[in-house]
N, C-alpha and C. Protein backbone atom coordinates (compact mmCIF):
# COMPACT_ATOMS: atom_id res chain seq x y z
N MET A 1 19.33 -2.81 -18.15
CA MET A 1 19.37 -1.87 -17.24
C MET A 1 20.75 -1.69 -16.31
N SER A 2 21.03 -0.37 -16.75
CA SER A 2 22.30 0.26 -16.07
C SER A 2 22.37 0.55 -14.40
N GLY A 3 22.71 -0.08 -13.76
CA GLY A 3 23.41 0.07 -12.73
C GLY A 3 22.41 -0.91 -11.56
N HIS A 4 21.34 -1.78 -12.58
CA HIS A 4 20.25 -2.59 -11.73
C HIS A 4 21.34 -4.17 -12.45
N GLU A 5 22.37 -4.34 -12.61
CA GLU A 5 22.67 -5.96 -13.07
C GLU A 5 23.25 -6.14 -11.72
N PRO A 6 23.24 -7.63 -11.62
CA PRO A 6 24.05 -8.29 -11.08
C PRO A 6 25.44 -7.92 -10.25
N HIS A 7 25.88 -8.19 -9.42
CA HIS A 7 27.26 -8.14 -8.86
C HIS A 7 27.89 -8.82 -8.73
N GLU A 8 28.77 -9.26 -9.34
CA GLU A 8 29.48 -10.33 -9.05
C GLU A 8 28.58 -12.05 -8.43
N GLY A 9 27.86 -12.12 -9.00
CA GLY A 9 27.33 -12.86 -9.15
C GLY A 9 25.87 -12.80 -7.99
N HIS A 10 25.46 -11.88 -7.85
CA HIS A 10 24.12 -12.10 -6.79
C HIS A 10 23.71 -9.97 -6.77
N TYR A 11 22.38 -10.19 -6.36
CA TYR A 11 22.01 -9.04 -6.29
C TYR A 11 22.11 -8.24 -5.08
N GLU A 12 22.48 -7.05 -5.10
CA GLU A 12 22.25 -5.92 -3.93
C GLU A 12 21.00 -5.82 -3.37
N CYS A 13 20.78 -5.49 -1.82
CA CYS A 13 19.36 -4.82 -1.34
C CYS A 13 18.73 -4.13 -2.54
N SER A 14 19.53 -3.37 -2.72
CA SER A 14 18.67 -1.85 -3.58
C SER A 14 18.39 -2.44 -4.75
N ASP A 15 18.98 -3.51 -5.64
CA ASP A 15 18.89 -4.58 -6.92
C ASP A 15 17.45 -4.95 -6.71
N VAL A 16 17.43 -5.76 -5.81
CA VAL A 16 16.13 -6.59 -5.32
C VAL A 16 15.00 -5.85 -5.19
N MET A 17 15.13 -4.91 -4.27
CA MET A 17 13.73 -3.85 -4.26
C MET A 17 13.52 -2.79 -5.47
N TYR A 18 14.48 -2.78 -6.30
CA TYR A 18 14.07 -2.47 -7.62
C TYR A 18 13.61 -2.91 -8.14
N ARG A 19 13.96 -4.45 -8.62
CA ARG A 19 12.97 -5.30 -9.28
C ARG A 19 11.98 -6.03 -8.14
N ILE A 20 12.17 -5.96 -7.65
CA ILE A 20 10.88 -6.67 -7.00
C ILE A 20 9.52 -7.10 -7.58
N TYR A 21 8.82 -6.24 -8.15
CA TYR A 21 7.48 -6.44 -8.83
C TYR A 21 8.20 -7.23 -10.03
N GLU A 22 8.98 -6.95 -10.82
CA GLU A 22 9.37 -7.85 -11.90
C GLU A 22 9.73 -9.51 -11.30
N TYR A 23 10.05 -9.51 -9.81
CA TYR A 23 10.27 -10.59 -9.39
C TYR A 23 8.67 -11.53 -9.09
N LEU A 24 7.91 -10.77 -8.57
CA LEU A 24 6.78 -10.83 -8.48
C LEU A 24 6.03 -11.37 -9.13
N ASP A 25 6.04 -10.90 -10.83
CA ASP A 25 5.29 -10.95 -11.50
C ASP A 25 5.59 -12.07 -12.20
N GLY A 26 6.95 -12.63 -12.14
CA GLY A 26 7.47 -13.88 -13.17
C GLY A 26 7.94 -12.62 -14.51
N GLU A 27 8.59 -11.85 -14.71
CA GLU A 27 9.13 -11.30 -15.84
C GLU A 27 10.12 -11.38 -15.38
N MET A 28 10.94 -11.56 -14.63
CA MET A 28 12.66 -11.91 -14.77
C MET A 28 12.66 -13.47 -15.88
N ASP A 29 14.13 -12.97 -16.45
CA ASP A 29 14.69 -14.82 -16.70
C ASP A 29 14.79 -15.13 -15.80
N SER A 30 15.39 -16.85 -16.36
CA SER A 30 15.09 -17.72 -14.88
C SER A 30 16.72 -17.51 -14.16
N GLY A 31 17.52 -16.74 -14.48
CA GLY A 31 18.86 -16.41 -14.25
C GLY A 31 18.90 -15.57 -13.10
N ASP A 32 18.04 -14.18 -13.19
CA ASP A 32 18.13 -13.17 -12.39
C ASP A 32 16.83 -13.27 -11.31
N MET A 33 15.64 -14.74 -11.60
CA MET A 33 14.89 -15.28 -10.53
C MET A 33 15.95 -15.68 -9.63
N GLN A 34 17.03 -16.54 -9.94
CA GLN A 34 17.89 -17.24 -9.00
C GLN A 34 17.96 -16.27 -8.23
N LEU A 35 18.56 -15.27 -8.89
CA LEU A 35 19.74 -14.76 -8.11
C LEU A 35 18.93 -13.94 -7.52
N VAL A 36 17.61 -13.53 -7.70
CA VAL A 36 16.88 -12.89 -6.53
C VAL A 36 16.45 -13.83 -5.01
N ALA A 37 15.90 -14.93 -5.86
CA ALA A 37 15.38 -16.11 -4.90
C ALA A 37 16.59 -16.56 -3.97
N ARG A 38 17.85 -16.40 -4.58
CA ARG A 38 18.89 -16.58 -3.23
C ARG A 38 19.22 -15.38 -1.98
N HIS A 39 19.06 -14.30 -2.64
CA HIS A 39 19.01 -13.24 -2.03
C HIS A 39 18.23 -13.28 -1.02
N LEU A 40 16.86 -13.11 -1.51
CA LEU A 40 15.88 -13.12 -0.57
C LEU A 40 16.04 -13.99 0.67
N GLN A 41 16.72 -15.13 0.38
CA GLN A 41 16.48 -16.49 1.29
C GLN A 41 17.76 -15.94 2.60
N GLU A 42 18.56 -15.18 2.30
CA GLU A 42 19.75 -14.74 2.65
C GLU A 42 19.34 -13.38 3.50
N CYS A 43 18.87 -12.53 3.13
CA CYS A 43 18.63 -11.01 3.87
C CYS A 43 17.13 -11.20 3.78
N GLY A 44 17.09 -10.74 5.57
CA GLY A 44 15.64 -11.02 6.03
C GLY A 44 14.95 -9.33 5.42
N PRO A 45 15.16 -8.40 5.68
CA PRO A 45 14.86 -7.09 5.53
C PRO A 45 14.25 -7.36 3.88
N CYS A 46 15.03 -7.74 2.99
CA CYS A 46 14.04 -7.97 1.46
C CYS A 46 13.76 -8.83 1.57
N LEU A 47 13.33 -10.07 2.10
CA LEU A 47 12.45 -10.87 2.24
C LEU A 47 11.13 -10.44 2.68
N ALA A 48 11.21 -9.20 4.42
CA ALA A 48 10.27 -9.06 4.94
C ALA A 48 9.32 -8.17 4.00
N GLU A 49 10.27 -6.98 2.74
CA GLU A 49 9.51 -6.26 2.47
C GLU A 49 8.72 -7.31 0.56
N HIS A 50 9.27 -8.26 0.14
CA HIS A 50 8.65 -8.83 -0.52
C HIS A 50 7.68 -9.60 -0.13
N ASP A 51 7.56 -10.14 0.94
CA ASP A 51 6.46 -10.65 1.53
C ASP A 51 5.15 -9.50 1.81
N LEU A 52 5.70 -8.23 2.63
CA LEU A 52 4.89 -7.16 2.10
C LEU A 52 3.93 -6.98 0.81
N ASP A 53 5.15 -6.88 0.03
CA ASP A 53 4.22 -6.55 -1.52
C ASP A 53 3.79 -7.31 -2.10
N ALA A 54 4.15 -8.85 -1.67
CA ALA A 54 3.28 -9.89 -2.14
C ALA A 54 1.83 -9.46 -1.72
N ALA A 55 1.84 -9.93 -0.68
CA ALA A 55 0.43 -9.55 0.13
C ALA A 55 -0.34 -8.41 -0.52
N LEU A 56 0.05 -7.41 -0.60
CA LEU A 56 -0.59 -6.13 -1.43
C LEU A 56 -1.19 -6.84 -2.56
N LYS A 57 -0.53 -7.13 -3.44
CA LYS A 57 -0.98 -7.66 -4.61
C LYS A 57 -1.43 -9.06 -4.67
N ALA A 58 -1.77 -9.94 -3.63
CA ALA A 58 -2.75 -11.12 -3.53
C ALA A 58 -3.85 -10.06 -3.20
N LEU A 59 -4.00 -8.86 -2.17
CA LEU A 59 -4.92 -8.47 -1.20
C LEU A 59 -5.67 -7.30 -2.49
N VAL A 60 -4.98 -6.87 -3.54
CA VAL A 60 -5.68 -6.12 -4.68
C VAL A 60 -6.05 -7.23 -5.52
N ARG A 61 -5.48 -8.80 -5.99
CA ARG A 61 -6.10 -9.56 -6.58
C ARG A 61 -7.57 -10.13 -6.25
N ARG A 62 -7.27 -10.19 -5.05
CA ARG A 62 -8.97 -10.34 -4.28
C ARG A 62 -9.77 -9.73 -4.49
N SER A 63 -9.40 -8.21 -4.48
CA SER A 63 -10.55 -7.33 -4.14
C SER A 63 -11.12 -7.03 -5.57
N CYS A 64 -9.97 -6.68 -6.66
CA CYS A 64 -10.44 -6.16 -7.86
C CYS A 64 -11.37 -7.29 -8.97
N HIS A 65 -11.81 -7.17 -9.78
CA HIS A 65 -12.65 -7.54 -10.33
C HIS A 65 -12.20 -7.02 -12.10
N GLU A 66 -11.54 -6.44 -12.06
CA GLU A 66 -11.40 -5.86 -13.24
C GLU A 66 -9.73 -5.14 -13.33
N GLU A 67 -9.22 -5.54 -14.66
CA GLU A 67 -7.90 -5.45 -14.97
C GLU A 67 -7.96 -4.05 -14.90
N ALA A 68 -6.73 -3.34 -14.21
CA ALA A 68 -6.10 -1.45 -14.65
C ALA A 68 -5.90 -1.60 -15.92
N PRO A 69 -5.92 -0.62 -16.39
CA PRO A 69 -5.03 -0.79 -17.93
C PRO A 69 -3.92 -0.16 -17.45
N ALA A 70 -3.57 -0.89 -18.96
CA ALA A 70 -1.64 -0.82 -19.16
C ALA A 70 -1.25 0.63 -18.44
N GLU A 71 -1.78 1.37 -18.81
CA GLU A 71 -1.00 2.40 -18.83
C GLU A 71 -1.01 3.48 -17.03
N LEU A 72 -2.11 3.15 -16.84
CA LEU A 72 -1.88 3.15 -15.30
C LEU A 72 -0.88 2.36 -14.80
N ARG A 73 -1.19 1.04 -14.48
CA ARG A 73 0.06 -0.04 -14.24
C ARG A 73 1.53 0.41 -14.50
N ILE A 74 2.06 0.92 -15.49
CA ILE A 74 2.52 1.67 -15.99
C ILE A 74 3.45 3.25 -15.10
N GLN A 75 2.30 3.65 -14.73
CA GLN A 75 2.41 4.96 -13.95
C GLN A 75 2.61 4.61 -12.43
N VAL A 76 1.93 3.73 -12.12
CA VAL A 76 2.13 3.23 -10.78
C VAL A 76 3.72 2.09 -10.33
N VAL A 77 3.99 1.85 -11.42
CA VAL A 77 4.69 1.18 -10.79
C VAL A 77 6.46 1.92 -11.13
N HIS A 78 6.41 2.77 -11.97
CA HIS A 78 7.41 4.01 -12.18
C HIS A 78 6.95 5.25 -10.61
N ARG A 79 5.93 5.41 -10.53
CA ARG A 79 6.11 6.20 -9.25
C ARG A 79 6.83 5.42 -7.92
N ILE A 80 6.58 4.14 -8.05
CA ILE A 80 7.28 3.21 -6.95
C ILE A 80 8.07 3.02 -6.87
N THR A 81 8.57 3.14 -8.16
CA THR A 81 10.11 3.12 -8.80
C THR A 81 10.94 4.37 -7.93
N MET A 82 10.40 5.73 -8.43
CA MET A 82 10.79 6.72 -7.96
C MET A 82 10.93 7.36 -6.38
N VAL A 83 9.42 6.60 -5.79
CA VAL A 83 9.54 6.86 -4.60
C VAL A 83 11.16 5.85 -3.77
N ARG A 84 10.83 5.15 -4.03
CA ARG A 84 12.32 4.00 -3.56
C ARG A 84 13.21 4.49 -3.80
N ARG A 85 13.61 5.62 -4.92
CA ARG A 85 15.07 5.90 -5.44
C ARG A 85 15.04 6.71 -4.52
N GLU A 86 13.75 7.59 -4.12
CA GLU A 86 14.17 8.94 -3.23
C GLU A 86 14.80 8.39 -1.86
N LEU A 87 14.36 7.10 -1.18
CA LEU A 87 13.83 6.47 0.13
C LEU A 87 15.67 6.42 0.43
N ASP A 88 15.99 5.87 -1.05
CA ASP A 88 17.68 5.31 -1.16
C ASP A 88 18.55 6.37 -0.76
N ASP A 89 18.20 7.47 -1.56
CA ASP A 89 19.25 8.59 -1.43
C ASP A 89 19.04 9.39 0.27
């Protein structure tokens, strides 16, 4: 992913927020998981965002008894990414 690779062995806040759902879903390789985990230990604002996203995922998981179609999931993740990019600018 161009522009979203670790910088000198660590992730920056924008990198972590860009990939937070990959982290929460366990879709990163172990090296990236460790870099994000280390960043979250050191960065209160990112940890707060992580906790909010994790709570939201848990609420949806408890409330929904069926899986969303893959296409819908892709659209939702894409929209979240676009909103975050707009907020970063």
